[in-house]
Amino acid sequence: MATRRAFLGMLGSAGLAGVGLTAGAKLLSANGGDGDRYPEIRYGSEACARCWMVIDDVRFAAAWIGSSGEEVHFDDIGCAALEAAERALEGGARIFVHDFTRQDWLDAHTAGYVLAPASIRTPMAYGLAATEDRAAAEALARRSEGRVLGWDELPGLLATDTAPAHRHGA
């Protein structure tokens, strides 16, 4: 039979283990167990996965994180949209774009987009800027004389011959 001192010692050890597990779980989620983390791009030294240009303008950078945790980075939202459509990403992949003004990471599927090649100069000349939602996109579109789009519209528009964008491999 355990003495009172031994019992309290075991109780204290169990408490410390519980605190350690809780802290570890919080640390993992803060650094992103894969479900919570954002892409990590090395701006100025890393190349776009589609066009191989150096990624150096945060406002237009995009990325995805696959279900196994691998990251793919892009210098332009147009590069990411076309590549995602061509690769038919697996269901667990998450796609991110930067907010044009705040430069925060956004979920690509819920962001609003403005297509304004004449006034929004992007690395590969797609002329696409992302905003936190459709209302912000409409405000930016008025200022830039652009057109508001959703993520699902981008690949079809950018792949046309009339799209005002850089043609890779052309």
N, C-alpha and C. Protein backbone atom coordinates (compact mmCIF):
# COMPACT_ATOMS: atom_id res chain seq x y z
N MET A 1 0.84 -1.17 0.00
CA MET A 1 0.00 0.00 0.00
C MET A 1 0.90 1.24 0.00
N ALA A 2 0.48 2.24 -0.78
CA ALA A 2 1.27 3.45 -0.92
C ALA A 2 1.05 4.37 0.27
N THR A 3 2.14 4.99 0.68
CA THR A 3 2.02 5.97 1.75
C THR A 3 1.44 7.26 1.19
N ARG A 4 1.07 8.11 2.11
CA ARG A 4 0.51 9.40 1.69
C ARG A 4 1.53 10.17 0.86
N ARG A 5 2.79 10.17 1.27
CA ARG A 5 3.86 10.88 0.56
C ARG A 5 4.03 10.30 -0.84
N ALA A 6 4.02 8.99 -1.00
CA ALA A 6 4.16 8.35 -2.31
C ALA A 6 2.96 8.69 -3.19
N PHE A 7 1.75 8.67 -2.58
CA PHE A 7 0.55 8.99 -3.35
C PHE A 7 0.62 10.43 -3.88
N LEU A 8 0.99 11.37 -3.03
CA LEU A 8 1.09 12.78 -3.46
C LEU A 8 2.17 12.95 -4.52
N GLY A 9 3.25 12.22 -4.39
CA GLY A 9 4.31 12.27 -5.40
C GLY A 9 3.82 11.79 -6.76
N MET A 10 3.06 10.68 -6.76
CA MET A 10 2.51 10.16 -8.02
C MET A 10 1.50 11.15 -8.61
N LEU A 11 0.68 11.74 -7.76
CA LEU A 11 -0.32 12.70 -8.21
C LEU A 11 0.37 13.92 -8.85
N GLY A 12 1.41 14.39 -8.21
CA GLY A 12 2.17 15.53 -8.75
C GLY A 12 2.81 15.19 -10.09
N SER A 13 3.37 13.99 -10.21
CA SER A 13 3.98 13.57 -11.47
C SER A 13 2.95 13.48 -12.58
N ALA A 14 1.78 12.96 -12.26
CA ALA A 14 0.71 12.85 -13.26
C ALA A 14 0.27 14.25 -13.69
N GLY A 15 0.21 15.18 -12.74
CA GLY A 15 -0.16 16.56 -13.07
C GLY A 15 0.85 17.20 -14.00
N LEU A 16 2.13 17.00 -13.73
CA LEU A 16 3.17 17.55 -14.60
C LEU A 16 3.11 16.94 -15.99
N ALA A 17 2.83 15.65 -16.07
CA ALA A 17 2.72 15.00 -17.37
C ALA A 17 1.54 15.59 -18.14
N GLY A 18 0.43 15.82 -17.45
CA GLY A 18 -0.75 16.41 -18.10
C GLY A 18 -0.46 17.81 -18.61
N VAL A 19 0.23 18.61 -17.80
CA VAL A 19 0.60 19.96 -18.23
C VAL A 19 1.52 19.88 -19.44
N GLY A 20 2.46 18.97 -19.43
CA GLY A 20 3.38 18.80 -20.56
C GLY A 20 2.65 18.42 -21.84
N LEU A 21 1.69 17.49 -21.73
CA LEU A 21 0.92 17.09 -22.91
C LEU A 21 0.08 18.24 -23.45
N THR A 22 -0.53 18.99 -22.54
CA THR A 22 -1.36 20.13 -22.96
C THR A 22 -0.49 21.19 -23.63
N ALA A 23 0.65 21.51 -23.04
CA ALA A 23 1.54 22.51 -23.62
C ALA A 23 2.05 22.05 -24.98
N GLY A 24 2.39 20.77 -25.08
CA GLY A 24 2.87 20.23 -26.36
C GLY A 24 1.81 20.33 -27.44
N ALA A 25 0.58 20.02 -27.09
CA ALA A 25 -0.51 20.11 -28.07
C ALA A 25 -0.72 21.55 -28.51
N LYS A 26 -0.66 22.49 -27.56
CA LYS A 26 -0.81 23.91 -27.93
C LYS A 26 0.34 24.37 -28.80
N LEU A 27 1.54 23.95 -28.49
CA LEU A 27 2.69 24.33 -29.29
C LEU A 27 2.56 23.80 -30.71
N LEU A 28 2.13 22.56 -30.85
CA LEU A 28 1.95 22.00 -32.19
C LEU A 28 0.88 22.74 -32.96
N SER A 29 -0.22 23.09 -32.31
CA SER A 29 -1.27 23.79 -33.05
C SER A 29 -0.85 25.21 -33.35
N ALA A 30 -0.07 25.85 -32.50
CA ALA A 30 0.39 27.21 -32.78
C ALA A 30 1.36 27.20 -33.96
N ASN A 31 2.21 26.21 -34.03
CA ASN A 31 3.13 26.11 -35.15
C ASN A 31 2.49 25.37 -36.29
N GLY A 32 1.30 24.93 -36.07
CA GLY A 32 0.54 24.30 -37.10
C GLY A 32 0.76 22.82 -37.18
N GLY A 33 0.02 22.07 -36.36
CA GLY A 33 -0.17 20.72 -36.78
C GLY A 33 -0.69 20.98 -38.17
N ASP A 34 -0.44 20.22 -39.14
CA ASP A 34 -0.67 20.58 -40.54
C ASP A 34 -1.99 21.30 -40.79
N GLY A 35 -3.02 21.05 -39.98
CA GLY A 35 -4.30 21.68 -40.23
C GLY A 35 -4.34 23.16 -39.91
N ASP A 36 -3.41 23.66 -39.12
CA ASP A 36 -3.46 25.05 -38.68
C ASP A 36 -2.32 25.91 -39.20
N ARG A 37 -1.38 25.35 -39.86
CA ARG A 37 -0.21 26.15 -40.24
C ARG A 37 -0.37 26.81 -41.59
N TYR A 38 0.43 27.84 -41.78
CA TYR A 38 0.46 28.56 -43.06
C TYR A 38 1.75 28.21 -43.78
N PRO A 39 1.79 28.41 -45.08
CA PRO A 39 3.02 28.15 -45.83
C PRO A 39 4.15 29.06 -45.36
N GLU A 40 5.36 28.57 -45.54
CA GLU A 40 6.55 29.35 -45.19
C GLU A 40 7.40 29.52 -46.44
N ILE A 41 7.33 30.70 -47.03
CA ILE A 41 8.07 31.01 -48.26
C ILE A 41 9.32 31.79 -47.90
N ARG A 42 10.42 31.47 -48.51
CA ARG A 42 11.68 32.20 -48.35
C ARG A 42 11.73 33.27 -49.45
N TYR A 43 11.15 34.42 -49.16
CA TYR A 43 11.05 35.49 -50.15
C TYR A 43 12.44 35.97 -50.57
N GLY A 44 12.60 36.19 -51.86
CA GLY A 44 13.86 36.67 -52.39
C GLY A 44 14.85 35.57 -52.74
N SER A 45 14.58 34.34 -52.32
CA SER A 45 15.52 33.26 -52.64
C SER A 45 14.85 32.00 -53.18
N GLU A 46 13.56 31.91 -53.06
CA GLU A 46 12.85 30.71 -53.50
C GLU A 46 12.15 30.97 -54.83
N ALA A 47 12.12 29.97 -55.71
CA ALA A 47 11.52 30.11 -57.03
C ALA A 47 10.10 29.56 -57.08
N CYS A 48 9.29 30.14 -57.95
CA CYS A 48 7.92 29.69 -58.20
C CYS A 48 7.95 28.28 -58.79
N ALA A 49 7.06 27.43 -58.33
CA ALA A 49 7.00 26.05 -58.81
C ALA A 49 6.53 25.95 -60.26
N ARG A 50 5.92 26.98 -60.80
CA ARG A 50 5.41 26.94 -62.17
C ARG A 50 6.34 27.65 -63.16
N CYS A 51 6.73 28.86 -62.85
CA CYS A 51 7.49 29.66 -63.83
C CYS A 51 8.96 29.84 -63.48
N TRP A 52 9.34 29.44 -62.29
CA TRP A 52 10.72 29.49 -61.81
C TRP A 52 11.26 30.89 -61.56
N MET A 53 10.38 31.89 -61.52
CA MET A 53 10.79 33.24 -61.14
C MET A 53 10.94 33.28 -59.62
N VAL A 54 11.84 34.14 -59.13
CA VAL A 54 12.04 34.27 -57.69
C VAL A 54 10.78 34.89 -57.09
N ILE A 55 10.36 34.35 -55.96
CA ILE A 55 9.18 34.86 -55.25
C ILE A 55 9.65 36.00 -54.34
N ASP A 56 9.26 37.23 -54.69
CA ASP A 56 9.73 38.34 -53.87
C ASP A 56 8.68 39.39 -53.54
N ASP A 57 7.47 39.25 -54.04
CA ASP A 57 6.42 40.21 -53.71
C ASP A 57 5.32 39.49 -52.93
N VAL A 58 5.29 39.74 -51.64
CA VAL A 58 4.36 39.06 -50.74
C VAL A 58 2.91 39.24 -51.18
N ARG A 59 2.56 40.41 -51.71
CA ARG A 59 1.17 40.70 -52.06
C ARG A 59 0.57 39.71 -53.06
N PHE A 60 1.40 39.08 -53.87
CA PHE A 60 0.90 38.21 -54.93
C PHE A 60 1.30 36.75 -54.76
N ALA A 61 2.06 36.45 -53.73
CA ALA A 61 2.51 35.07 -53.50
C ALA A 61 1.32 34.18 -53.14
N ALA A 62 1.44 32.93 -53.51
CA ALA A 62 0.41 31.93 -53.22
C ALA A 62 1.11 30.61 -52.93
N ALA A 63 0.38 29.69 -52.32
CA ALA A 63 0.99 28.39 -51.99
C ALA A 63 -0.11 27.40 -51.68
N TRP A 64 0.28 26.14 -51.69
CA TRP A 64 -0.62 25.13 -51.15
C TRP A 64 0.16 24.20 -50.26
N ILE A 65 -0.58 23.60 -49.34
CA ILE A 65 -0.02 22.59 -48.46
C ILE A 65 -0.82 21.32 -48.73
N GLY A 66 -0.13 20.28 -49.19
CA GLY A 66 -0.79 19.01 -49.50
C GLY A 66 -1.17 18.26 -48.24
N SER A 67 -1.95 17.22 -48.41
CA SER A 67 -2.43 16.45 -47.26
C SER A 67 -1.28 15.79 -46.49
N SER A 68 -0.15 15.56 -47.15
CA SER A 68 1.00 14.97 -46.45
C SER A 68 1.93 16.04 -45.88
N GLY A 69 1.56 17.33 -46.03
CA GLY A 69 2.34 18.42 -45.46
C GLY A 69 3.32 19.09 -46.40
N GLU A 70 3.48 18.55 -47.62
CA GLU A 70 4.42 19.19 -48.55
C GLU A 70 3.86 20.53 -49.01
N GLU A 71 4.75 21.49 -49.22
CA GLU A 71 4.35 22.83 -49.66
C GLU A 71 4.80 23.08 -51.08
N VAL A 72 3.98 23.80 -51.84
CA VAL A 72 4.31 24.22 -53.19
C VAL A 72 4.05 25.72 -53.23
N HIS A 73 5.05 26.50 -53.69
CA HIS A 73 4.99 27.96 -53.61
C HIS A 73 4.99 28.60 -55.00
N PHE A 74 4.32 29.76 -55.10
CA PHE A 74 4.15 30.46 -56.37
C PHE A 74 4.39 31.95 -56.21
N ASP A 75 4.88 32.59 -57.27
CA ASP A 75 5.12 34.03 -57.23
C ASP A 75 3.90 34.84 -57.62
N ASP A 76 2.90 34.20 -58.21
CA ASP A 76 1.72 34.91 -58.71
C ASP A 76 0.49 34.03 -58.49
N ILE A 77 -0.61 34.65 -58.12
CA ILE A 77 -1.85 33.91 -57.91
C ILE A 77 -2.25 33.17 -59.18
N GLY A 78 -2.00 33.76 -60.34
CA GLY A 78 -2.32 33.10 -61.61
C GLY A 78 -1.56 31.80 -61.78
N CYS A 79 -0.29 31.79 -61.40
CA CYS A 79 0.49 30.55 -61.48
C CYS A 79 -0.13 29.47 -60.59
N ALA A 80 -0.53 29.85 -59.38
CA ALA A 80 -1.11 28.89 -58.44
C ALA A 80 -2.44 28.35 -58.95
N ALA A 81 -3.29 29.23 -59.48
CA ALA A 81 -4.62 28.81 -59.94
C ALA A 81 -4.50 27.84 -61.12
N LEU A 82 -3.62 28.15 -62.07
CA LEU A 82 -3.46 27.26 -63.22
C LEU A 82 -2.84 25.93 -62.81
N GLU A 83 -1.83 25.98 -61.97
CA GLU A 83 -1.17 24.75 -61.52
C GLU A 83 -2.12 23.87 -60.72
N ALA A 84 -2.91 24.46 -59.84
CA ALA A 84 -3.87 23.70 -59.04
C ALA A 84 -4.90 23.02 -59.94
N ALA A 85 -5.36 23.71 -60.97
CA ALA A 85 -6.35 23.12 -61.89
C ALA A 85 -5.73 21.99 -62.71
N GLU A 86 -4.50 22.17 -63.14
CA GLU A 86 -3.84 21.15 -63.97
C GLU A 86 -3.48 19.91 -63.16
N ARG A 87 -3.11 20.09 -61.91
CA ARG A 87 -2.70 18.96 -61.08
C ARG A 87 -3.87 18.25 -60.42
N ALA A 88 -5.03 18.86 -60.41
CA ALA A 88 -6.20 18.30 -59.72
C ALA A 88 -5.80 17.87 -58.31
N LEU A 89 -5.58 18.84 -57.45
CA LEU A 89 -5.10 18.60 -56.10
C LEU A 89 -6.00 17.64 -55.33
N GLU A 90 -5.37 16.83 -54.47
CA GLU A 90 -6.13 15.90 -53.64
C GLU A 90 -6.98 16.67 -52.65
N GLY A 91 -8.01 16.03 -52.15
CA GLY A 91 -8.98 16.66 -51.29
C GLY A 91 -8.44 17.31 -50.04
N GLY A 92 -7.36 16.81 -49.48
CA GLY A 92 -6.83 17.37 -48.25
C GLY A 92 -5.94 18.59 -48.44
N ALA A 93 -5.64 18.95 -49.68
CA ALA A 93 -4.76 20.09 -49.94
C ALA A 93 -5.46 21.39 -49.59
N ARG A 94 -4.69 22.32 -49.04
CA ARG A 94 -5.21 23.65 -48.73
C ARG A 94 -4.42 24.67 -49.54
N ILE A 95 -5.14 25.60 -50.16
CA ILE A 95 -4.52 26.59 -51.03
C ILE A 95 -4.64 27.96 -50.35
N PHE A 96 -3.53 28.71 -50.38
CA PHE A 96 -3.48 30.01 -49.73
C PHE A 96 -3.03 31.10 -50.70
N VAL A 97 -3.56 32.30 -50.50
CA VAL A 97 -3.12 33.49 -51.22
C VAL A 97 -2.95 34.60 -50.18
N HIS A 98 -2.23 35.65 -50.57
CA HIS A 98 -2.05 36.78 -49.65
C HIS A 98 -3.07 37.86 -49.94
N ASP A 99 -3.58 38.47 -48.87
CA ASP A 99 -4.42 39.64 -49.01
C ASP A 99 -3.56 40.76 -49.61
N PHE A 100 -4.07 41.41 -50.64
CA PHE A 100 -3.35 42.42 -51.39
C PHE A 100 -2.89 43.59 -50.51
N THR A 101 -3.72 44.02 -49.57
CA THR A 101 -3.36 45.18 -48.76
C THR A 101 -2.74 44.81 -47.42
N ARG A 102 -3.29 43.84 -46.72
CA ARG A 102 -2.77 43.47 -45.40
C ARG A 102 -1.66 42.44 -45.47
N GLN A 103 -1.59 41.72 -46.54
CA GLN A 103 -0.58 40.68 -46.78
C GLN A 103 -0.71 39.48 -45.84
N ASP A 104 -1.88 39.29 -45.24
CA ASP A 104 -2.15 38.10 -44.42
C ASP A 104 -2.45 36.93 -45.36
N TRP A 105 -2.18 35.71 -44.88
CA TRP A 105 -2.58 34.53 -45.64
C TRP A 105 -4.09 34.38 -45.59
N LEU A 106 -4.68 34.03 -46.71
CA LEU A 106 -6.12 33.78 -46.82
C LEU A 106 -6.35 32.41 -47.44
N ASP A 107 -7.48 31.80 -47.12
CA ASP A 107 -7.90 30.59 -47.80
C ASP A 107 -8.27 30.98 -49.23
N ALA A 108 -7.65 30.37 -50.20
CA ALA A 108 -7.88 30.75 -51.60
C ALA A 108 -9.32 30.57 -52.04
N HIS A 109 -10.02 29.60 -51.47
CA HIS A 109 -11.39 29.33 -51.89
C HIS A 109 -12.40 30.34 -51.37
N THR A 110 -12.10 31.02 -50.28
CA THR A 110 -13.03 31.99 -49.72
C THR A 110 -12.62 33.44 -50.00
N ALA A 111 -11.42 33.64 -50.51
CA ALA A 111 -10.96 35.00 -50.82
C ALA A 111 -11.73 35.56 -52.01
N GLY A 112 -11.75 36.88 -52.13
CA GLY A 112 -12.28 37.54 -53.32
C GLY A 112 -11.10 37.90 -54.21
N TYR A 113 -11.31 37.99 -55.50
CA TYR A 113 -10.22 38.29 -56.44
C TYR A 113 -10.63 39.43 -57.36
N VAL A 114 -9.63 40.24 -57.71
CA VAL A 114 -9.83 41.31 -58.68
C VAL A 114 -8.87 41.07 -59.82
N LEU A 115 -9.41 41.06 -61.02
CA LEU A 115 -8.60 40.96 -62.23
C LEU A 115 -8.54 42.36 -62.83
N ALA A 116 -7.35 42.95 -62.83
CA ALA A 116 -7.16 44.30 -63.36
C ALA A 116 -5.74 44.42 -63.92
N PRO A 117 -5.45 43.76 -65.04
CA PRO A 117 -4.09 43.74 -65.57
C PRO A 117 -3.52 45.12 -65.91
N ALA A 118 -4.38 46.07 -66.23
CA ALA A 118 -3.89 47.40 -66.58
C ALA A 118 -3.43 48.19 -65.35
N SER A 119 -4.00 47.89 -64.18
CA SER A 119 -3.65 48.68 -63.00
C SER A 119 -3.01 47.89 -61.86
N ILE A 120 -3.15 46.59 -61.85
CA ILE A 120 -2.51 45.78 -60.82
C ILE A 120 -1.38 45.00 -61.49
N ARG A 121 -0.17 45.42 -61.22
CA ARG A 121 1.02 44.80 -61.83
C ARG A 121 1.50 43.65 -60.96
N THR A 122 1.38 42.44 -61.48
CA THR A 122 1.79 41.25 -60.73
C THR A 122 3.04 40.65 -61.37
N PRO A 123 3.74 39.78 -60.65
CA PRO A 123 5.00 39.25 -61.17
C PRO A 123 4.91 38.61 -62.56
N MET A 124 3.84 37.90 -62.85
CA MET A 124 3.72 37.25 -64.15
C MET A 124 2.63 37.88 -65.01
N ALA A 125 2.22 39.09 -64.67
CA ALA A 125 1.29 39.90 -65.45
C ALA A 125 -0.12 39.33 -65.55
N TYR A 126 -0.52 38.49 -64.58
CA TYR A 126 -1.90 38.02 -64.57
C TYR A 126 -2.84 39.14 -64.13
N GLY A 127 -2.33 40.08 -63.34
CA GLY A 127 -3.16 41.19 -62.89
C GLY A 127 -4.19 40.81 -61.85
N LEU A 128 -3.88 39.80 -61.04
CA LEU A 128 -4.81 39.31 -60.02
C LEU A 128 -4.36 39.73 -58.62
N ALA A 129 -5.31 40.23 -57.85
CA ALA A 129 -5.07 40.54 -56.44
C ALA A 129 -6.15 39.85 -55.62
N ALA A 130 -5.78 39.36 -54.45
CA ALA A 130 -6.73 38.69 -53.56
C ALA A 130 -7.11 39.62 -52.42
N THR A 131 -8.36 39.48 -51.98
CA THR A 131 -8.86 40.24 -50.83
C THR A 131 -9.55 39.28 -49.88
N GLU A 132 -9.82 39.77 -48.67
CA GLU A 132 -10.39 38.88 -47.65
C GLU A 132 -11.78 38.35 -48.00
N ASP A 133 -12.54 39.07 -48.81
CA ASP A 133 -13.87 38.59 -49.19
C ASP A 133 -14.36 39.34 -50.43
N ARG A 134 -15.54 39.01 -50.86
CA ARG A 134 -16.09 39.61 -52.09
C ARG A 134 -16.33 41.10 -51.94
N ALA A 135 -16.77 41.56 -50.76
CA ALA A 135 -17.01 42.99 -50.55
C ALA A 135 -15.72 43.78 -50.71
N ALA A 136 -14.63 43.29 -50.14
CA ALA A 136 -13.33 43.97 -50.29
C ALA A 136 -12.88 43.93 -51.75
N ALA A 137 -13.17 42.83 -52.43
CA ALA A 137 -12.82 42.72 -53.85
C ALA A 137 -13.60 43.75 -54.67
N GLU A 138 -14.87 43.94 -54.36
CA GLU A 138 -15.67 44.92 -55.10
C GLU A 138 -15.13 46.33 -54.90
N ALA A 139 -14.70 46.65 -53.69
CA ALA A 139 -14.12 47.97 -53.43
C ALA A 139 -12.81 48.16 -54.21
N LEU A 140 -11.96 47.14 -54.20
CA LEU A 140 -10.71 47.22 -54.95
C LEU A 140 -10.97 47.28 -56.45
N ALA A 141 -11.95 46.55 -56.92
CA ALA A 141 -12.29 46.56 -58.35
C ALA A 141 -12.73 47.95 -58.80
N ARG A 142 -13.48 48.65 -57.95
CA ARG A 142 -13.89 50.02 -58.31
C ARG A 142 -12.68 50.94 -58.42
N ARG A 143 -11.74 50.81 -57.50
CA ARG A 143 -10.53 51.66 -57.52
C ARG A 143 -9.60 51.32 -58.67
N SER A 144 -9.55 50.06 -59.05
CA SER A 144 -8.59 49.62 -60.07
C SER A 144 -9.22 49.36 -61.43
N GLU A 145 -10.52 49.64 -61.54
CA GLU A 145 -11.25 49.37 -62.78
C GLU A 145 -11.10 47.91 -63.19
N GLY A 146 -11.28 47.04 -62.20
CA GLY A 146 -11.12 45.61 -62.41
C GLY A 146 -12.42 44.85 -62.35
N ARG A 147 -12.29 43.56 -62.44
CA ARG A 147 -13.41 42.64 -62.46
C ARG A 147 -13.29 41.70 -61.26
N VAL A 148 -14.39 41.46 -60.55
CA VAL A 148 -14.41 40.60 -59.38
C VAL A 148 -14.65 39.16 -59.81
N LEU A 149 -13.85 38.25 -59.24
CA LEU A 149 -13.94 36.83 -59.58
C LEU A 149 -13.83 35.99 -58.31
N GLY A 150 -14.21 34.72 -58.44
CA GLY A 150 -14.00 33.74 -57.38
C GLY A 150 -12.90 32.77 -57.81
N TRP A 151 -12.37 32.02 -56.87
CA TRP A 151 -11.27 31.09 -57.14
C TRP A 151 -11.60 30.13 -58.27
N ASP A 152 -12.79 29.58 -58.27
CA ASP A 152 -13.16 28.58 -59.27
C ASP A 152 -13.21 29.14 -60.69
N GLU A 153 -13.35 30.46 -60.83
CA GLU A 153 -13.39 31.08 -62.15
C GLU A 153 -12.00 31.32 -62.74
N LEU A 154 -11.00 31.36 -61.90
CA LEU A 154 -9.66 31.77 -62.36
C LEU A 154 -9.05 30.85 -63.41
N PRO A 155 -8.97 29.53 -63.21
CA PRO A 155 -8.28 28.69 -64.20
C PRO A 155 -8.88 28.81 -65.60
N GLY A 156 -10.18 28.79 -65.71
CA GLY A 156 -10.82 28.88 -67.02
C GLY A 156 -10.53 30.20 -67.71
N LEU A 157 -10.57 31.28 -66.96
CA LEU A 157 -10.29 32.59 -67.53
C LEU A 157 -8.82 32.74 -67.91
N LEU A 158 -7.93 32.31 -67.03
CA LEU A 158 -6.49 32.48 -67.27
C LEU A 158 -5.97 31.59 -68.38
N ALA A 159 -6.64 30.49 -68.64
CA ALA A 159 -6.17 29.55 -69.66
C ALA A 159 -6.61 29.95 -71.07
N THR A 160 -7.48 30.94 -71.21
CA THR A 160 -7.95 31.34 -72.54
C THR A 160 -6.89 32.12 -73.29
N ASP A 161 -7.00 32.12 -74.59
CA ASP A 161 -6.05 32.86 -75.41
C ASP A 161 -6.17 34.36 -75.24
N THR A 162 -7.33 34.82 -74.77
CA THR A 162 -7.53 36.25 -74.62
C THR A 162 -7.15 36.75 -73.24
N ALA A 163 -6.74 35.86 -72.34
CA ALA A 163 -6.36 36.29 -70.99
C ALA A 163 -5.14 37.19 -71.09
N PRO A 164 -5.18 38.33 -70.43
CA PRO A 164 -4.08 39.29 -70.50
C PRO A 164 -2.95 38.92 -69.55
N ALA A 165 -2.36 37.78 -69.76
CA ALA A 165 -1.33 37.33 -68.84
C ALA A 165 -0.14 36.76 -69.58
N HIS A 166 0.92 36.61 -68.83
CA HIS A 166 2.14 36.01 -69.35
C HIS A 166 1.86 34.56 -69.73
N ARG A 167 2.33 34.14 -70.84
CA ARG A 167 2.18 32.76 -71.27
C ARG A 167 3.46 32.01 -70.94
N HIS A 168 3.35 31.01 -70.08
CA HIS A 168 4.51 30.20 -69.74
C HIS A 168 4.90 29.34 -70.92
N GLY A 169 6.16 29.32 -71.20
CA GLY A 169 6.66 28.49 -72.28
C GLY A 169 6.46 29.11 -73.66
N ALA A 170 5.90 30.31 -73.70
CA ALA A 170 5.65 30.95 -75.00
C ALA A 170 6.87 31.74 -75.45
